[in-house]
C-alpha cells in the first residue's frame, strides 16, 4: 500500500450529497470540481449588510435543482470579494464566505463564492480546497448516499413546495 494513503481518507464520487449546516442547507447536490480551487454556491438576491462589527452577506438559495419553489434565506460574514474566472473564461466579482461543509461524514470549514448558477445543473461546485482527505472516483456518483437528516430535509422541502403550489 502507498505510504501516502491516509487512513482518514474516504472515496467519493464525482457528485455527492452535502450539507452546509451553518446556512441551514441540510441537503444539496455537490459536483466535485478539481479544476476550481474554491467551492461555489448558487445564490441570488445577494446583498451586503453593513453592521457595526463586520459586514454580512444576505442571500437566498434554491438548494434543489429544477425546484425554485423552496428557498433558504441565508446570512454569513463577508470574508472577501474576489474576481473569479469561470470555465467559459468570463470574469466575475464574487462575494466569499466561510461556512461548514459536511460531506461523507466529514466536517470541514471551507470558503465558498456566491454566484448565480441558475442555468447550471448543479447548485454547488466543490472545489479542490475542500477535497483534501478525499479520493475521487470519477466513474461513481453518490457513493456516500444521503444521511437521515438529509432525507428529512428533502422530504420537508417537497412538502413545503407542494403547499406553495
Protein backbone atom coordinates (compact mmCIF):
# COMPACT_ATOMS: atom_id res chain seq x y z
CA UNK A 1 0.00 0.00 0.00
CA UNK A 2 1.20 3.52 -0.79
CA UNK A 3 2.78 5.27 2.22
CA UNK A 4 0.93 8.47 1.36
CA UNK A 5 -2.52 6.89 1.59
CA UNK A 6 -4.17 8.32 4.68
CA UNK A 7 -6.41 6.01 6.67
CA UNK A 8 -8.65 9.02 7.32
CA UNK A 9 -9.26 9.49 3.58
CA UNK A 10 -12.55 8.49 2.02
CA UNK A 11 -13.52 7.74 -1.57
CA UNK A 12 -16.27 9.93 -3.00
CA UNK A 13 -17.88 10.08 -6.42
CA UNK A 14 -17.87 12.93 -8.95
CA UNK A 15 -21.07 14.17 -7.32
CA UNK A 16 -22.23 13.72 -3.72
CA UNK A 17 -24.88 14.90 -1.29
CA UNK A 18 -23.54 17.58 1.03
CA UNK A 19 -24.75 19.82 3.85
CA UNK A 20 -23.96 23.45 4.60
CA UNK A 21 -25.09 23.35 8.21
CA UNK A 22 -24.24 26.96 9.16
CA UNK A 23 -26.50 28.15 6.35
CA UNK A 24 -29.42 25.84 7.18
CA UNK A 25 -28.96 23.85 3.97
CA UNK A 26 -29.00 20.25 5.14
CA UNK A 27 -29.06 18.65 1.68
CA UNK A 28 -27.60 19.86 -1.59
CA UNK A 29 -26.10 18.01 -4.53
CA UNK A 30 -22.48 18.98 -4.99
CA UNK A 31 -20.46 18.38 -8.13
CA UNK A 32 -16.77 17.75 -7.49
CA UNK A 33 -14.65 20.21 -9.47
CA UNK A 34 -10.92 19.65 -9.08
CA UNK A 35 -10.31 22.41 -11.64
CA UNK A 36 -11.68 25.02 -9.25
CA UNK A 37 -9.74 25.97 -6.14
CA UNK A 38 -12.68 27.44 -4.24
CA UNK A 39 -16.15 25.95 -3.94
CA UNK A 40 -19.13 27.91 -5.23
CA UNK A 41 -22.82 28.02 -4.36
CA UNK A 42 -25.84 29.09 -6.36
CA UNK A 43 -27.14 32.25 -4.70
CA UNK A 44 -29.43 35.09 -5.70
CA UNK A 45 -30.81 38.28 -4.20
CA UNK A 46 -27.32 38.89 -2.76
CA UNK A 47 -26.88 41.99 -0.59
CA UNK A 48 -24.14 43.26 1.69
CA UNK A 49 -25.47 44.26 5.10
CA UNK A 50 -23.17 46.75 6.79
CA UNK A 51 -23.10 46.20 10.52
CA UNK A 52 -21.11 47.81 13.28
CA UNK A 53 -18.75 44.84 13.61
CA UNK A 54 -18.26 43.13 10.26
CA UNK A 55 -20.19 43.27 7.00
CA UNK A 56 -22.58 40.40 6.40
CA UNK A 57 -23.85 38.94 3.14
CA UNK A 58 -27.55 38.18 2.90
CA UNK A 59 -28.64 35.86 0.09
CA UNK A 60 -31.17 33.24 -0.97
CA UNK A 61 -30.56 29.72 -2.24
CA UNK A 62 -32.64 27.23 -4.20
CA UNK A 63 -30.84 24.13 -2.88
CA UNK A 64 -32.59 21.65 -5.17
CA UNK A 65 -32.04 21.75 -8.90
CA UNK A 66 -35.13 22.33 -11.02
CA UNK A 67 -37.13 23.47 -7.96
CA UNK A 68 -37.41 27.21 -7.40
CA UNK A 69 -40.37 26.92 -5.02
CA UNK A 70 -38.19 26.13 -1.99
CA UNK A 71 -35.94 28.98 -0.84
CA UNK A 72 -33.45 29.09 2.01
CA UNK A 73 -32.63 32.59 3.32
CA UNK A 74 -29.00 32.79 4.46
CA UNK A 75 -26.73 35.30 6.17
CA UNK A 76 -22.97 34.92 6.65
CA UNK A 77 -20.00 37.15 7.43
CA UNK A 78 -18.36 38.57 4.32
CA UNK A 79 -14.78 37.25 4.13
CA UNK A 80 -13.64 38.74 0.82
CA UNK A 81 -14.58 39.83 -2.69
CA UNK A 82 -12.66 38.12 -5.48
CA UNK A 83 -12.58 38.05 -9.23
CA UNK A 84 -13.23 34.51 -10.43
CA UNK A 85 -12.86 33.26 -13.99
CA UNK A 86 -15.48 30.65 -14.86
CA UNK A 87 -14.99 27.70 -17.20
CA UNK A 88 -16.15 29.87 -20.12
CA UNK A 89 -13.39 32.42 -19.45
CA UNK A 90 -15.73 35.10 -18.07
CA UNK A 91 -14.50 37.12 -15.07
CA UNK A 92 -16.94 37.95 -12.32
CA UNK A 93 -16.51 39.59 -8.93
CA UNK A 94 -17.95 37.30 -6.25
CA UNK A 95 -18.60 37.54 -2.55
CA UNK A 96 -16.71 34.99 -0.45
CA UNK A 97 -17.98 33.49 2.80
CA UNK A 98 -16.72 30.77 5.14
CA UNK A 99 -19.05 28.01 6.21
CA UNK A 100 -19.10 24.41 7.38
CA UNK A 101 -19.36 21.73 4.70
CA UNK A 102 -20.37 18.22 5.70
CA UNK A 103 -19.67 15.57 3.10
CA UNK A 104 -19.16 11.83 3.54
CA UNK A 105 -19.48 12.23 7.30
CA UNK A 106 -16.61 14.73 7.47
CA UNK A 107 -16.99 18.34 8.63
CA UNK A 108 -14.78 20.97 7.12
CA UNK A 109 -14.60 24.79 7.20
CA UNK A 110 -14.46 26.00 3.61
CA UNK A 111 -14.53 29.19 1.60
CA UNK A 112 -17.47 29.49 -0.73
CA UNK A 113 -18.07 32.00 -3.50
CA UNK A 114 -21.63 33.11 -4.20
CA UNK A 115 -22.82 33.27 -7.80
CA UNK A 116 -25.97 32.78 -9.82
CA UNK A 117 -25.84 29.19 -11.09
CA UNK A 118 -29.50 29.17 -12.21
CA UNK A 119 -28.59 27.92 -15.68
CA UNK A 120 -26.23 25.25 -14.32
CA UNK A 121 -27.25 21.72 -13.45
CA UNK A 122 -25.63 21.65 -10.00
CA UNK A 123 -26.31 24.22 -7.31
CA UNK A 124 -22.89 23.70 -5.76
CA UNK A 125 -19.39 23.04 -7.02
CA UNK A 126 -16.98 21.52 -4.52
CA UNK A 127 -13.50 22.85 -5.28
CA UNK A 128 -10.20 21.17 -4.55
CA UNK A 129 -9.51 23.19 -1.37
CA UNK A 130 -12.50 21.37 0.18
CA UNK A 131 -11.44 17.97 -1.17
CA UNK A 132 -8.38 17.25 0.96
CA UNK A 133 -8.90 13.91 2.74
CA UNK A 134 -10.90 12.59 -0.20
CA UNK A 135 -10.10 10.39 -3.14
CA UNK A 136 -12.38 10.91 -6.10
CA UNK A 137 -13.66 8.06 -8.24
CA UNK A 138 -14.82 9.82 -11.42
CA UNK A 139 -16.78 6.74 -12.51
CA UNK A 140 -19.07 6.80 -9.44
CA UNK A 141 -21.81 9.06 -8.07
CA UNK A 142 -23.30 9.42 -4.61
CA UNK A 143 -21.05 6.79 -3.01
CA UNK A 144 -21.86 8.18 0.44
CA UNK A 145 -25.64 8.26 -0.02
CA UNK A 146 -27.95 10.54 1.97
CA UNK A 147 -27.95 10.87 5.75
CA UNK A 148 -31.18 10.62 7.72
CA UNK A 149 -31.07 14.43 8.27
CA UNK A 150 -30.71 14.97 4.52
CA UNK A 151 -33.67 12.66 3.79
CA UNK A 152 -35.82 14.56 6.32
CA UNK A 153 -34.75 17.93 4.89
CA UNK A 154 -35.61 16.83 1.34
CA UNK A 155 -38.98 15.47 2.47
CA UNK A 156 -39.73 18.77 4.23
CA UNK A 157 -38.78 20.71 1.09
CA UNK A 158 -41.10 18.59 -1.06
CA UNK A 159 -43.94 19.12 1.41
CA UNK A 160 -43.34 22.88 1.51
CA UNK A 161 -43.10 23.02 -2.30
CA UNK A 162 -46.40 21.15 -2.67
CA UNK A 163 -48.11 23.51 -0.21
CA UNK A 164 -46.89 26.52 -2.20
CA UNK A 165 -48.41 25.22 -5.46
